[in-house]
C-alpha atoms as a PDB file:
ATOM      1  CA  UNK A   1      75.678  87.741  96.548  1.00  0.00           C
ATOM      2  CA  UNK A   2      72.577  88.395  94.529  1.00  0.00           C
ATOM      3  CA  UNK A   3      72.574  90.852  91.672  1.00  0.00           C
ATOM      4  CA  UNK A   4      69.797  93.519  91.862  1.00  0.00           C
ATOM      5  CA  UNK A   5      70.159  94.485  88.184  1.00  0.00           C
ATOM      6  CA  UNK A   6      67.132  93.560  86.065  1.00  0.00           C
ATOM      7  CA  UNK A   7      67.769  91.132  83.324  1.00  0.00           C
ATOM      8  CA  UNK A   8      67.800  92.586  79.878  1.00  0.00           C
ATOM      9  CA  UNK A   9      64.546  91.536  78.247  1.00  0.00           C
ATOM     10  CA  UNK A  10      64.858  93.793  75.074  1.00  0.00           C
ATOM     11  CA  UNK A  11      65.127  90.802  72.567  1.00  0.00           C
ATOM     12  CA  UNK A  12      64.205  90.600  69.120  1.00  0.00           C
ATOM     13  CA  UNK A  13      60.730  89.497  69.517  1.00  0.00           C
ATOM     14  CA  UNK A  14      59.799  92.193  71.880  1.00  0.00           C
ATOM     15  CA  UNK A  15      61.422  94.761  69.571  1.00  0.00           C
ATOM     16  CA  UNK A  16      59.319  93.244  66.697  1.00  0.00           C
ATOM     17  CA  UNK A  17      55.984  93.522  68.723  1.00  0.00           C
ATOM     18  CA  UNK A  18      56.710  96.974  70.265  1.00  0.00           C
ATOM     19  CA  UNK A  19      55.220  98.985  67.138  1.00  0.00           C
ATOM     20  CA  UNK A  20      52.090  96.892  67.227  1.00  0.00           C
ATOM     21  CA  UNK A  21      51.577  97.586  70.951  1.00  0.00           C
ATOM     22  CA  UNK A  22      52.172 101.097  70.611  1.00  0.00           C
ATOM     23  CA  UNK A  23      49.619 101.331  67.840  1.00  0.00           C
ATOM     24  CA  UNK A  24      47.146  99.379  69.895  1.00  0.00           C
ATOM     25  CA  UNK A  25      47.699 101.860  72.847  1.00  0.00           C
ATOM     26  CA  UNK A  26      47.326 104.942  70.693  1.00  0.00           C
ATOM     27  CA  UNK A  27      44.201 103.717  68.933  1.00  0.00           C
ATOM     28  CA  UNK A  28      42.365 103.100  72.147  1.00  0.00           C
ATOM     29  CA  UNK A  29      43.264  99.329  72.388  1.00  0.00           C
ATOM     30  CA  UNK A  30      41.639  98.362  69.234  1.00  0.00           C
ATOM     31  CA  UNK A  31      41.659  98.745  65.385  1.00  0.00           C
ATOM     32  CA  UNK A  32      38.356 100.040  63.884  1.00  0.00           C
ATOM     33  CA  UNK A  33      38.188  97.064  61.427  1.00  0.00           C
ATOM     34  CA  UNK A  34      39.634  93.645  61.033  1.00  0.00           C
ATOM     35  CA  UNK A  35      40.814  94.895  57.488  1.00  0.00           C
ATOM     36  CA  UNK A  36      42.631  97.719  59.195  1.00  0.00           C
ATOM     37  CA  UNK A  37      44.354  95.478  61.432  1.00  0.00           C
ATOM     38  CA  UNK A  38      45.459  93.068  58.607  1.00  0.00           C
ATOM     39  CA  UNK A  39      46.705  95.949  56.545  1.00  0.00           C
ATOM     40  CA  UNK A  40      48.794  97.205  59.559  1.00  0.00           C
ATOM     41  CA  UNK A  41      50.098  93.786  60.331  1.00  0.00           C
ATOM     42  CA  UNK A  42      51.138  93.533  56.444  1.00  0.00           C
ATOM     43  CA  UNK A  43      52.965  96.852  56.492  1.00  0.00           C
ATOM     44  CA  UNK A  44      54.737  96.166  59.851  1.00  0.00           C
ATOM     45  CA  UNK A  45      55.866  92.755  58.692  1.00  0.00           C
ATOM     46  CA  UNK A  46      57.197  94.047  55.504  1.00  0.00           C
ATOM     47  CA  UNK A  47      59.150  96.856  57.186  1.00  0.00           C
ATOM     48  CA  UNK A  48      60.340  94.554  60.047  1.00  0.00           C
ATOM     49  CA  UNK A  49      61.786  92.033  57.512  1.00  0.00           C
ATOM     50  CA  UNK A  50      63.344  94.916  55.420  1.00  0.00           C
ATOM     51  CA  UNK A  51      65.073  96.198  58.478  1.00  0.00           C
ATOM     52  CA  UNK A  52      66.316  92.746  59.640  1.00  0.00           C
ATOM     53  CA  UNK A  53      68.119  92.796  55.957  1.00  0.00           C
ATOM     54  CA  UNK A  54      69.542  96.206  56.616  1.00  0.00           C
ATOM     55  CA  UNK A  55      67.153  97.986  54.368  1.00  0.00           C
ATOM     56  CA  UNK A  56      65.831 101.196  55.797  1.00  0.00           C
ATOM     57  CA  UNK A  57      62.155 101.525  56.122  1.00  0.00           C
ATOM     58  CA  UNK A  58      62.068 104.568  53.942  1.00  0.00           C
ATOM     59  CA  UNK A  59      63.907 103.036  51.183  1.00  0.00           C
ATOM     60  CA  UNK A  60      61.575  99.878  51.380  1.00  0.00           C
ATOM     61  CA  UNK A  61      58.614 101.976  51.136  1.00  0.00           C
ATOM     62  CA  UNK A  62      60.013 104.159  48.384  1.00  0.00           C
ATOM     63  CA  UNK A  63      60.730 101.061  46.305  1.00  0.00           C
ATOM     64  CA  UNK A  64      57.236  99.582  47.107  1.00  0.00           C
ATOM     65  CA  UNK A  65      55.428 102.672  45.870  1.00  0.00           C
ATOM     66  CA  UNK A  66      57.749 102.938  42.779  1.00  0.00           C
ATOM     67  CA  UNK A  67      56.617  99.657  41.766  1.00  0.00           C
ATOM     68  CA  UNK A  68      59.701  97.532  42.738  1.00  0.00           C
ATOM     69  CA  UNK A  69      59.094  96.111  46.074  1.00  0.00           C
ATOM     70  CA  UNK A  70      61.926  94.858  47.951  1.00  0.00           C
ATOM     71  CA  UNK A  71      61.898  91.071  48.230  1.00  0.00           C
ATOM     72  CA  UNK A  72      64.240  89.129  50.496  1.00  0.00           C
ATOM     73  CA  UNK A  73      66.836  87.044  48.547  1.00  0.00           C
ATOM     74  CA  UNK A  74      65.516  83.416  47.931  1.00  0.00           C
ATOM     75  CA  UNK A  75      61.881  84.537  47.809  1.00  0.00           C
ATOM     76  CA  UNK A  76      62.121  86.385  44.395  1.00  0.00           C
ATOM     77  CA  UNK A  77      59.970  84.883  41.665  1.00  0.00           C
ATOM     78  CA  UNK A  78      61.906  82.853  38.996  1.00  0.00           C
ATOM     79  CA  UNK A  79      62.436  84.210  35.575  1.00  0.00           C
END
C-alpha cells in the first residue's frame, strides 16, 4: 500500500534559506544593490548562527549594538 502523505521537507537548510526567499519576494525579486544583498546576508548569517546556539535573535542584536557581539565558542579571539 502506498502512502499518500507528502514527505516532510522542512529540514534545516530550508529553514535557513526561508528568510532570504521571503525578503527576495517582498523586494520584487531583487535587492537594489549588491552591497544591500551582502549586508542582508551578513545579518541573516549572524542571527541564524546565534539561533542555532539557542541565543535569541533579539539578545544577539542587543549585544551587537551594545558593542559586545555574540561570537560562537571556539571562534573568540585569544587574549
